[in-house]
Amino acid sequence: EYIKSVEATYQKSNLIRNTVITSLKFETSKGKTSFFGYEVGKKFVLKQNDCRLVGFHGKEGDAIDALGAYFAPVPPTPMMIPAKKLPSVGGNGGVAWDD
């Protein structure tokens, strides 16, 4: 599972007197979301098809003023190599089991 997109909002803050990021919503490859902040202002989405979020960049002061992201390709799923069963070692007694 990986983060595939970030949706954010921004607006001018009267308190800080700058334009700031007001909310962040992360979405994973399995459709799970996590939301932070207050969804006010203009919305934008940071997303790159077939890629995963690997980092952020931006500007900050008293708050996050601007936000960008780094995306990298999703690594291919490794081929599953079947397990190799090794013979059991020890005595001959007992009942055989295999989990």
PDB file of N, CA and C in Angstrom:
ATOM      1  N   GLU A   1       0.850  -1.172   0.000  1.00  0.00           N
ATOM      2  CA  GLU A   1       0.000   0.000   0.000  1.00  0.00           C
ATOM      3  C   GLU A   1       0.898   1.239   0.000  1.00  0.00           C
ATOM      4  N   TYR A   2       0.500   2.238  -0.749  1.00  0.00           N
ATOM      5  CA  TYR A   2       1.296   3.461  -0.844  1.00  0.00           C
ATOM      6  C   TYR A   2       0.362   4.649  -1.052  1.00  0.00           C
ATOM      7  N   ILE A   3       0.868   5.859  -0.810  1.00  0.00           N
ATOM      8  CA  ILE A   3       0.076   7.076  -1.027  1.00  0.00           C
ATOM      9  C   ILE A   3       0.140   7.412  -2.502  1.00  0.00           C
ATOM     10  N   LYS A   4      -1.038   7.508  -3.134  1.00  0.00           N
ATOM     11  CA  LYS A   4      -1.075   7.773  -4.574  1.00  0.00           C
ATOM     12  C   LYS A   4      -1.462   9.209  -4.905  1.00  0.00           C
ATOM     13  N   SER A   5      -2.074   9.936  -3.954  1.00  0.00           N
ATOM     14  CA  SER A   5      -2.424  11.327  -4.242  1.00  0.00           C
ATOM     15  C   SER A   5      -2.594  12.125  -2.958  1.00  0.00           C
ATOM     16  N   VAL A   6      -2.431  13.432  -3.101  1.00  0.00           N
ATOM     17  CA  VAL A   6      -2.678  14.370  -2.014  1.00  0.00           C
ATOM     18  C   VAL A   6      -3.578  15.463  -2.567  1.00  0.00           C
ATOM     19  N   GLU A   7      -4.722  15.640  -1.947  1.00  0.00           N
ATOM     20  CA  GLU A   7      -5.631  16.735  -2.296  1.00  0.00           C
ATOM     21  C   GLU A   7      -5.451  17.793  -1.211  1.00  0.00           C
ATOM     22  N   ALA A   8      -5.355  19.034  -1.594  1.00  0.00           N
ATOM     23  CA  ALA A   8      -5.113  20.092  -0.614  1.00  0.00           C
ATOM     24  C   ALA A   8      -5.951  21.318  -0.947  1.00  0.00           C
ATOM     25  N   THR A   9      -6.129  22.177   0.047  1.00  0.00           N
ATOM     26  CA  THR A   9      -6.778  23.472  -0.171  1.00  0.00           C
ATOM     27  C   THR A   9      -5.867  24.560   0.384  1.00  0.00           C
ATOM     28  N   TYR A  10      -6.038  25.761  -0.160  1.00  0.00           N
ATOM     29  CA  TYR A  10      -5.255  26.902   0.312  1.00  0.00           C
ATOM     30  C   TYR A  10      -6.086  28.168   0.201  1.00  0.00           C
ATOM     31  N   GLN A  11      -5.781  29.137   1.056  1.00  0.00           N
ATOM     32  CA  GLN A  11      -6.432  30.447   0.989  1.00  0.00           C
ATOM     33  C   GLN A  11      -5.619  31.464   1.778  1.00  0.00           C
ATOM     34  N   LYS A  12      -5.949  32.720   1.561  1.00  0.00           N
ATOM     35  CA  LYS A  12      -5.302  33.826   2.275  1.00  0.00           C
ATOM     36  C   LYS A  12      -5.734  33.784   3.733  1.00  0.00           C
ATOM     37  N   SER A  13      -4.762  33.848   4.630  1.00  0.00           N
ATOM     38  CA  SER A  13      -5.045  33.836   6.060  1.00  0.00           C
ATOM     39  C   SER A  13      -4.993  35.256   6.596  1.00  0.00           C
ATOM     40  N   ASN A  14      -6.051  35.686   7.249  1.00  0.00           N
ATOM     41  CA  ASN A  14      -6.064  37.016   7.868  1.00  0.00           C
ATOM     42  C   ASN A  14      -5.147  37.060   9.087  1.00  0.00           C
ATOM     43  N   LEU A  15      -5.008  35.935   9.751  1.00  0.00           N
ATOM     44  CA  LEU A  15      -4.181  35.866  10.948  1.00  0.00           C
ATOM     45  C   LEU A  15      -2.698  35.978  10.608  1.00  0.00           C
ATOM     46  N   ILE A  16      -2.269  35.247   9.580  1.00  0.00           N
ATOM     47  CA  ILE A  16      -0.857  35.215   9.204  1.00  0.00           C
ATOM     48  C   ILE A  16      -0.544  36.222   8.094  1.00  0.00           C
ATOM     49  N   ARG A  17      -1.554  36.637   7.361  1.00  0.00           N
ATOM     50  CA  ARG A  17      -1.429  37.582   6.244  1.00  0.00           C
ATOM     51  C   ARG A  17      -0.661  37.006   5.064  1.00  0.00           C
ATOM     52  N   ASN A  18      -0.725  35.714   4.901  1.00  0.00           N
ATOM     53  CA  ASN A  18      -0.150  35.023   3.750  1.00  0.00           C
ATOM     54  C   ASN A  18      -1.163  34.015   3.247  1.00  0.00           C
ATOM     55  N   THR A  19      -0.943  33.530   2.047  1.00  0.00           N
ATOM     56  CA  THR A  19      -1.719  32.400   1.555  1.00  0.00           C
ATOM     57  C   THR A  19      -1.095  31.142   2.136  1.00  0.00           C
ATOM     58  N   VAL A  20      -1.921  30.287   2.732  1.00  0.00           N
ATOM     59  CA  VAL A  20      -1.422  29.093   3.408  1.00  0.00           C
ATOM     60  C   VAL A  20      -2.230  27.859   3.007  1.00  0.00           C
ATOM     61  N   ILE A  21      -1.618  26.704   3.187  1.00  0.00           N
ATOM     62  CA  ILE A  21      -2.310  25.435   2.989  1.00  0.00           C
ATOM     63  C   ILE A  21      -3.264  25.257   4.166  1.00  0.00           C
ATOM     64  N   THR A  22      -4.538  24.985   3.871  1.00  0.00           N
ATOM     65  CA  THR A  22      -5.534  24.858   4.936  1.00  0.00           C
ATOM     66  C   THR A  22      -5.953  23.420   5.210  1.00  0.00           C
ATOM     67  N   SER A  23      -5.751  22.526   4.235  1.00  0.00           N
ATOM     68  CA  SER A  23      -6.098  21.122   4.470  1.00  0.00           C
ATOM     69  C   SER A  23      -5.284  20.207   3.571  1.00  0.00           C
ATOM     70  N   LEU A  24      -5.158  18.966   4.024  1.00  0.00           N
ATOM     71  CA  LEU A  24      -4.496  17.910   3.258  1.00  0.00           C
ATOM     72  C   LEU A  24      -5.341  16.652   3.364  1.00  0.00           C
ATOM     73  N   LYS A  25      -5.513  15.972   2.245  1.00  0.00           N
ATOM     74  CA  LYS A  25      -6.205  14.678   2.250  1.00  0.00           C
ATOM     75  C   LYS A  25      -5.362  13.701   1.446  1.00  0.00           C
ATOM     76  N   PHE A  26      -4.911  12.637   2.101  1.00  0.00           N
ATOM     77  CA  PHE A  26      -4.084  11.616   1.468  1.00  0.00           C
ATOM     78  C   PHE A  26      -4.966  10.452   1.039  1.00  0.00           C
ATOM     79  N   GLU A  27      -4.686   9.895  -0.147  1.00  0.00           N
ATOM     80  CA  GLU A  27      -5.394   8.702  -0.599  1.00  0.00           C
ATOM     81  C   GLU A  27      -4.374   7.627  -0.937  1.00  0.00           C
ATOM     82  N   THR A  28      -4.645   6.403  -0.472  1.00  0.00           N
ATOM     83  CA  THR A  28      -3.724   5.297  -0.703  1.00  0.00           C
ATOM     84  C   THR A  28      -4.157   4.461  -1.902  1.00  0.00           C
ATOM     85  N   SER A  29      -3.279   3.567  -2.285  1.00  0.00           N
ATOM     86  CA  SER A  29      -3.548   2.659  -3.400  1.00  0.00           C
ATOM     87  C   SER A  29      -4.700   1.708  -3.099  1.00  0.00           C
ATOM     88  N   LYS A  30      -5.069   1.577  -1.835  1.00  0.00           N
ATOM     89  CA  LYS A  30      -6.195   0.724  -1.453  1.00  0.00           C
ATOM     90  C   LYS A  30      -7.462   1.533  -1.196  1.00  0.00           C
ATOM     91  N   GLY A  31      -7.439   2.824  -1.542  1.00  0.00           N
ATOM     92  CA  GLY A  31      -8.625   3.663  -1.411  1.00  0.00           C
ATOM     93  C   GLY A  31      -8.858   4.251  -0.035  1.00  0.00           C
ATOM     94  N   LYS A  32      -7.947   4.059   0.904  1.00  0.00           N
ATOM     95  CA  LYS A  32      -8.084   4.646   2.236  1.00  0.00           C
ATOM     96  C   LYS A  32      -7.719   6.124   2.167  1.00  0.00           C
ATOM     97  N   THR A  33      -8.384   6.940   2.980  1.00  0.00           N
ATOM     98  CA  THR A  33      -8.074   8.370   3.008  1.00  0.00           C
ATOM     99  C   THR A  33      -7.824   8.830   4.443  1.00  0.00           C
ATOM    100  N   SER A  34      -6.991   9.854   4.577  1.00  0.00           N
ATOM    101  CA  SER A  34      -6.745  10.524   5.854  1.00  0.00           C
ATOM    102  C   SER A  34      -6.816  12.018   5.596  1.00  0.00           C
ATOM    103  N   PHE A  35      -7.600  12.732   6.402  1.00  0.00           N
ATOM    104  CA  PHE A  35      -7.834  14.159   6.204  1.00  0.00           C
ATOM    105  C   PHE A  35      -7.292  14.941   7.392  1.00  0.00           C
ATOM    106  N   PHE A  36      -6.660  16.094   7.099  1.00  0.00           N
ATOM    107  CA  PHE A  36      -6.109  16.966   8.131  1.00  0.00           C
ATOM    108  C   PHE A  36      -6.433  18.412   7.791  1.00  0.00           C
ATOM    109  N   GLY A  37      -6.857  19.194   8.775  1.00  0.00           N
ATOM    110  CA  GLY A  37      -7.075  20.618   8.583  1.00  0.00           C
ATOM    111  C   GLY A  37      -8.519  20.988   8.344  1.00  0.00           C
ATOM    112  N   TYR A  38      -8.711  22.143   7.680  1.00  0.00           N
ATOM    113  CA  TYR A  38     -10.034  22.683   7.378  1.00  0.00           C
ATOM    114  C   TYR A  38     -10.135  22.879   5.877  1.00  0.00           C
ATOM    115  N   GLU A  39     -11.139  22.269   5.263  1.00  0.00           N
ATOM    116  CA  GLU A  39     -11.283  22.323   3.811  1.00  0.00           C
ATOM    117  C   GLU A  39     -11.934  23.645   3.398  1.00  0.00           C
ATOM    118  N   VAL A  40     -11.115  24.687   3.311  1.00  0.00           N
ATOM    119  CA  VAL A  40     -11.582  26.003   2.865  1.00  0.00           C
ATOM    120  C   VAL A  40     -10.602  26.531   1.829  1.00  0.00           C
ATOM    121  N   GLY A  41     -11.103  27.325   0.899  1.00  0.00           N
ATOM    122  CA  GLY A  41     -10.241  27.906  -0.119  1.00  0.00           C
ATOM    123  C   GLY A  41     -10.245  27.121  -1.407  1.00  0.00           C
ATOM    124  N   LYS A  42      -9.225  27.363  -2.210  1.00  0.00           N
ATOM    125  CA  LYS A  42      -9.099  26.706  -3.513  1.00  0.00           C
ATOM    126  C   LYS A  42      -8.493  25.320  -3.344  1.00  0.00           C
ATOM    127  N   LYS A  43      -8.983  24.373  -4.144  1.00  0.00           N
ATOM    128  CA  LYS A  43      -8.528  22.989  -4.075  1.00  0.00           C
ATOM    129  C   LYS A  43      -7.528  22.703  -5.187  1.00  0.00           C
ATOM    130  N   PHE A  44      -6.513  21.880  -4.883  1.00  0.00           N
ATOM    131  CA  PHE A  44      -5.609  21.359  -5.906  1.00  0.00           C
ATOM    132  C   PHE A  44      -5.235  19.925  -5.543  1.00  0.00           C
ATOM    133  N   VAL A  45      -4.783  19.172  -6.534  1.00  0.00           N
ATOM    134  CA  VAL A  45      -4.433  17.768  -6.328  1.00  0.00           C
ATOM    135  C   VAL A  45      -3.009  17.530  -6.808  1.00  0.00           C
ATOM    136  N   LEU A  46      -2.229  16.855  -5.992  1.00  0.00           N
ATOM    137  CA  LEU A  46      -0.884  16.418  -6.361  1.00  0.00           C
ATOM    138  C   LEU A  46      -0.972  14.924  -6.643  1.00  0.00           C
ATOM    139  N   LYS A  47      -0.781  14.542  -7.909  1.00  0.00           N
ATOM    140  CA  LYS A  47      -0.929  13.143  -8.309  1.00  0.00           C
ATOM    141  C   LYS A  47      -0.173  12.919  -9.604  1.00  0.00           C
ATOM    142  N   GLN A  48       0.430  11.761  -9.726  1.00  0.00           N
ATOM    143  CA  GLN A  48       1.102  11.354 -10.958  1.00  0.00           C
ATOM    144  C   GLN A  48       0.667   9.917 -11.213  1.00  0.00           C
ATOM    145  N   ASN A  49       0.033   9.665 -12.349  1.00  0.00           N
ATOM    146  CA  ASN A  49      -0.483   8.327 -12.637  1.00  0.00           C
ATOM    147  C   ASN A  49       0.613   7.270 -12.555  1.00  0.00           C
ATOM    148  N   ASP A  50       0.249   6.118 -12.016  1.00  0.00           N
ATOM    149  CA  ASP A  50       1.145   4.965 -11.871  1.00  0.00           C
ATOM    150  C   ASP A  50       2.384   5.272 -11.038  1.00  0.00           C
ATOM    151  N   CYS A  51       2.264   6.231 -10.116  1.00  0.00           N
ATOM    152  CA  CYS A  51       3.384   6.600  -9.248  1.00  0.00           C
ATOM    153  C   CYS A  51       2.920   6.672  -7.802  1.00  0.00           C
ATOM    154  N   ARG A  52       3.896   6.704  -6.891  1.00  0.00           N
ATOM    155  CA  ARG A  52       3.612   6.809  -5.463  1.00  0.00           C
ATOM    156  C   ARG A  52       4.314   8.036  -4.900  1.00  0.00           C
ATOM    157  N   LEU A  53       3.731   8.623  -3.876  1.00  0.00           N
ATOM    158  CA  LEU A  53       4.312   9.788  -3.210  1.00  0.00           C
ATOM    159  C   LEU A  53       5.556   9.355  -2.443  1.00  0.00           C
ATOM    160  N   VAL A  54       6.664  10.079  -2.652  1.00  0.00           N
ATOM    161  CA  VAL A  54       7.899   9.755  -1.932  1.00  0.00           C
ATOM    162  C   VAL A  54       8.456  10.936  -1.140  1.00  0.00           C
ATOM    163  N   GLY A  55       7.891  12.135  -1.308  1.00  0.00           N
ATOM    164  CA  GLY A  55       8.386  13.278  -0.553  1.00  0.00           C
ATOM    165  C   GLY A  55       7.652  14.555  -0.886  1.00  0.00           C
ATOM    166  N   PHE A  56       7.961  15.593  -0.130  1.00  0.00           N
ATOM    167  CA  PHE A  56       7.347  16.910  -0.317  1.00  0.00           C
ATOM    168  C   PHE A  56       8.419  17.979  -0.480  1.00  0.00           C
ATOM    169  N   HIS A  57       8.019  19.106  -1.046  1.00  0.00           N
ATOM    170  CA  HIS A  57       8.812  20.327  -1.050  1.00  0.00           C
ATOM    171  C   HIS A  57       7.825  21.478  -0.982  1.00  0.00           C
ATOM    172  N   GLY A  58       8.292  22.663  -0.693  1.00  0.00           N
ATOM    173  CA  GLY A  58       7.374  23.793  -0.622  1.00  0.00           C
ATOM    174  C   GLY A  58       7.995  24.980   0.070  1.00  0.00           C
ATOM    175  N   LYS A  59       7.130  25.788   0.678  1.00  0.00           N
ATOM    176  CA  LYS A  59       7.554  26.968   1.423  1.00  0.00           C
ATOM    177  C   LYS A  59       6.826  26.975   2.757  1.00  0.00           C
ATOM    178  N   GLU A  60       7.532  27.459   3.787  1.00  0.00           N
ATOM    179  CA  GLU A  60       6.922  27.518   5.108  1.00  0.00           C
ATOM    180  C   GLU A  60       7.372  28.761   5.842  1.00  0.00           C
ATOM    181  N   GLY A  61       6.532  29.168   6.756  1.00  0.00           N
ATOM    182  CA  GLY A  61       6.821  30.283   7.644  1.00  0.00           C
ATOM    183  C   GLY A  61       6.160  29.928   8.961  1.00  0.00           C
ATOM    184  N   ASP A  62       5.093  30.646   9.307  1.00  0.00           N
ATOM    185  CA  ASP A  62       4.305  30.282  10.487  1.00  0.00           C
ATOM    186  C   ASP A  62       3.357  29.128  10.180  1.00  0.00           C
ATOM    187  N   ALA A  63       3.200  28.810   8.906  1.00  0.00           N
ATOM    188  CA  ALA A  63       2.350  27.708   8.446  1.00  0.00           C
ATOM    189  C   ALA A  63       2.966  27.182   7.152  1.00  0.00           C
ATOM    190  N   ILE A  64       2.342  26.190   6.547  1.00  0.00           N
ATOM    191  CA  ILE A  64       2.796  25.730   5.231  1.00  0.00           C
ATOM    192  C   ILE A  64       2.224  26.703   4.208  1.00  0.00           C
ATOM    193  N   ASP A  65       3.093  27.435   3.524  1.00  0.00           N
ATOM    194  CA  ASP A  65       2.653  28.449   2.563  1.00  0.00           C
ATOM    195  C   ASP A  65       2.423  27.872   1.173  1.00  0.00           C
ATOM    196  N   ALA A  66       3.216  26.905   0.779  1.00  0.00           N
ATOM    197  CA  ALA A  66       3.094  26.280  -0.545  1.00  0.00           C
ATOM    198  C   ALA A  66       3.552  24.836  -0.415  1.00  0.00           C
ATOM    199  N   LEU A  67       2.973  23.965  -1.244  1.00  0.00           N
ATOM    200  CA  LEU A  67       3.274  22.544  -1.147  1.00  0.00           C
ATOM    201  C   LEU A  67       3.408  21.926  -2.526  1.00  0.00           C
ATOM    202  N   GLY A  68       4.480  21.201  -2.725  1.00  0.00           N
ATOM    203  CA  GLY A  68       4.690  20.403  -3.926  1.00  0.00           C
ATOM    204  C   GLY A  68       5.060  19.000  -3.492  1.00  0.00           C
ATOM    205  N   ALA A  69       5.177  18.086  -4.431  1.00  0.00           N
ATOM    206  CA  ALA A  69       5.438  16.698  -4.068  1.00  0.00           C
ATOM    207  C   ALA A  69       6.402  16.045  -5.041  1.00  0.00           C
ATOM    208  N   TYR A  70       7.025  15.001  -4.565  1.00  0.00           N
ATOM    209  CA  TYR A  70       7.864  14.140  -5.396  1.00  0.00           C
ATOM    210  C   TYR A  70       7.138  12.809  -5.554  1.00  0.00           C
ATOM    211  N   PHE A  71       7.068  12.332  -6.781  1.00  0.00           N
ATOM    212  CA  PHE A  71       6.461  11.035  -7.058  1.00  0.00           C
ATOM    213  C   PHE A  71       7.474  10.158  -7.775  1.00  0.00           C
ATOM    214  N   ALA A  72       7.419   8.866  -7.502  1.00  0.00           N
ATOM    215  CA  ALA A  72       8.296   7.888  -8.150  1.00  0.00           C
ATOM    216  C   ALA A  72       7.435   6.740  -8.660  1.00  0.00           C
ATOM    217  N   PRO A  73       7.905   6.048  -9.691  1.00  0.00           N
ATOM    218  CA  PRO A  73       7.132   4.916 -10.209  1.00  0.00           C
ATOM    219  C   PRO A  73       6.887   3.869  -9.122  1.00  0.00           C
ATOM    220  N   VAL A  74       5.746   3.225  -9.213  1.00  0.00           N
ATOM    221  CA  VAL A  74       5.432   2.128  -8.301  1.00  0.00           C
ATOM    222  C   VAL A  74       6.282   0.935  -8.721  1.00  0.00           C
ATOM    223  N   PRO A  75       7.074   0.385  -7.805  1.00  0.00           N
ATOM    224  CA  PRO A  75       7.896  -0.755  -8.199  1.00  0.00           C
ATOM    225  C   PRO A  75       7.009  -1.947  -8.554  1.00  0.00           C
ATOM    226  N   PRO A  76       7.431  -2.741  -9.521  1.00  0.00           N
ATOM    227  CA  PRO A  76       6.628  -3.908  -9.877  1.00  0.00           C
ATOM    228  C   PRO A  76       6.569  -4.896  -8.714  1.00  0.00           C
ATOM    229  N   THR A  77       5.459  -5.601  -8.637  1.00  0.00           N
ATOM    230  CA  THR A  77       5.310  -6.616  -7.601  1.00  0.00           C
ATOM    231  C   THR A  77       6.269  -7.762  -7.897  1.00  0.00           C
ATOM    232  N   PRO A  78       7.094  -8.120  -6.923  1.00  0.00           N
ATOM    233  CA  PRO A  78       8.043  -9.206  -7.194  1.00  0.00           C
ATOM    234  C   PRO A  78       7.301 -10.516  -7.440  1.00  0.00           C
ATOM    235  N   MET A  79       7.866 -11.311  -8.329  1.00  0.00           N
ATOM    236  CA  MET A  79       7.271 -12.621  -8.582  1.00  0.00           C
ATOM    237  C   MET A  79       7.435 -13.466  -7.329  1.00  0.00           C
ATOM    238  N   MET A  80       6.384 -14.145  -6.981  1.00  0.00           N
ATOM    239  CA  MET A  80       6.435 -15.006  -5.805  1.00  0.00           C
ATOM    240  C   MET A  80       7.192 -16.280  -6.160  1.00  0.00           C
ATOM    241  N   ILE A  81       8.289 -16.497  -5.474  1.00  0.00           N
ATOM    242  CA  ILE A  81       9.072 -17.709  -5.678  1.00  0.00           C
ATOM    243  C   ILE A  81       8.525 -18.748  -4.708  1.00  0.00           C
ATOM    244  N   PRO A  82       8.133 -19.910  -5.220  1.00  0.00           N
ATOM    245  CA  PRO A  82       7.562 -20.916  -4.322  1.00  0.00           C
ATOM    246  C   PRO A  82       8.559 -21.313  -3.239  1.00  0.00           C
ATOM    247  N   ALA A  83       8.019 -21.583  -2.066  1.00  0.00           N
ATOM    248  CA  ALA A  83       8.859 -22.032  -0.961  1.00  0.00           C
ATOM    249  C   ALA A  83       9.391 -23.424  -1.257  1.00  0.00           C
ATOM    250  N   LYS A  84      10.596 -23.666  -0.797  1.00  0.00           N
ATOM    251  CA  LYS A  84      11.203 -24.983  -0.977  1.00  0.00           C
ATOM    252  C   LYS A  84      11.113 -25.724   0.345  1.00  0.00           C
ATOM    253  N   LYS A  85      10.519 -26.905   0.303  1.00  0.00           N
ATOM    254  CA  LYS A  85      10.373 -27.707   1.515  1.00  0.00           C
ATOM    255  C   LYS A  85      11.638 -28.529   1.724  1.00  0.00           C
ATOM    256  N   LEU A  86      12.262 -28.350   2.886  1.00  0.00           N
ATOM    257  CA  LEU A  86      13.443 -29.130   3.252  1.00  0.00           C
ATOM    258  C   LEU A  86      12.996 -30.294   4.124  1.00  0.00           C
ATOM    259  N   PRO A  87      13.713 -31.389   4.081  1.00  0.00           N
ATOM    260  CA  PRO A  87      13.315 -32.543   4.899  1.00  0.00           C
ATOM    261  C   PRO A  87      13.468 -32.235   6.384  1.00  0.00           C
ATOM    262  N   SER A  88      12.589 -32.860   7.189  1.00  0.00           N
ATOM    263  CA  SER A  88      12.701 -32.690   8.636  1.00  0.00           C
ATOM    264  C   SER A  88      13.870 -33.528   9.149  1.00  0.00           C
ATOM    265  N   VAL A  89      14.476 -33.038  10.204  1.00  0.00           N
ATOM    266  CA  VAL A  89      15.660 -33.695  10.765  1.00  0.00           C
ATOM    267  C   VAL A  89      15.377 -33.986  12.230  1.00  0.00           C
ATOM    268  N   GLY A  90      15.757 -35.127  12.695  1.00  0.00           N
ATOM    269  CA  GLY A  90      15.573 -35.493  14.097  1.00  0.00           C
ATOM    270  C   GLY A  90      15.126 -36.929  14.213  1.00  0.00           C
ATOM    271  N   GLY A  91      14.297 -37.186  15.221  1.00  0.00           N
ATOM    272  CA  GLY A  91      13.857 -38.552  15.491  1.00  0.00           C
ATOM    273  C   GLY A  91      12.715 -39.000  14.599  1.00  0.00           C
ATOM    274  N   ASN A  92      12.365 -40.297  14.726  1.00  0.00           N
ATOM    275  CA  ASN A  92      11.306 -40.899  13.926  1.00  0.00           C
ATOM    276  C   ASN A  92       9.972 -40.951  14.655  1.00  0.00           C
ATOM    277  N   GLY A  93       9.924 -40.609  15.930  1.00  0.00           N
ATOM    278  CA  GLY A  93       8.688 -40.708  16.703  1.00  0.00           C
ATOM    279  C   GLY A  93       7.750 -39.546  16.434  1.00  0.00           C
ATOM    280  N   GLY A  94       6.549 -39.639  16.999  1.00  0.00           N
ATOM    281  CA  GLY A  94       5.579 -38.559  16.907  1.00  0.00           C
ATOM    282  C   GLY A  94       4.705 -38.645  15.677  1.00  0.00           C
ATOM    283  N   VAL A  95       3.759 -37.700  15.592  1.00  0.00           N
ATOM    284  CA  VAL A  95       2.813 -37.616  14.482  1.00  0.00           C
ATOM    285  C   VAL A  95       3.275 -36.492  13.559  1.00  0.00           C
ATOM    286  N   ALA A  96       3.303 -36.760  12.280  1.00  0.00           N
ATOM    287  CA  ALA A  96       3.748 -35.749  11.306  1.00  0.00           C
ATOM    288  C   ALA A  96       2.758 -34.582  11.261  1.00  0.00           C
ATOM    289  N   TRP A  97       3.270 -33.393  11.062  1.00  0.00           N
ATOM    290  CA  TRP A  97       2.434 -32.198  10.886  1.00  0.00           C
ATOM    291  C   TRP A  97       3.070 -31.319   9.836  1.00  0.00           C
ATOM    292  N   ASP A  98       2.276 -30.459   9.227  1.00  0.00           N
ATOM    293  CA  ASP A  98       2.767 -29.554   8.179  1.00  0.00           C
ATOM    294  C   ASP A  98       1.893 -28.312   8.170  1.00  0.00           C
ATOM    295  N   ASP A  99       2.429 -27.196   8.605  1.00  0.00           N
ATOM    296  CA  ASP A  99       1.684 -25.935   8.613  1.00  0.00           C
ATOM    297  C   ASP A  99       2.156 -25.091   7.469  1.00  0.00           C
TER     298      ASP A  99
END
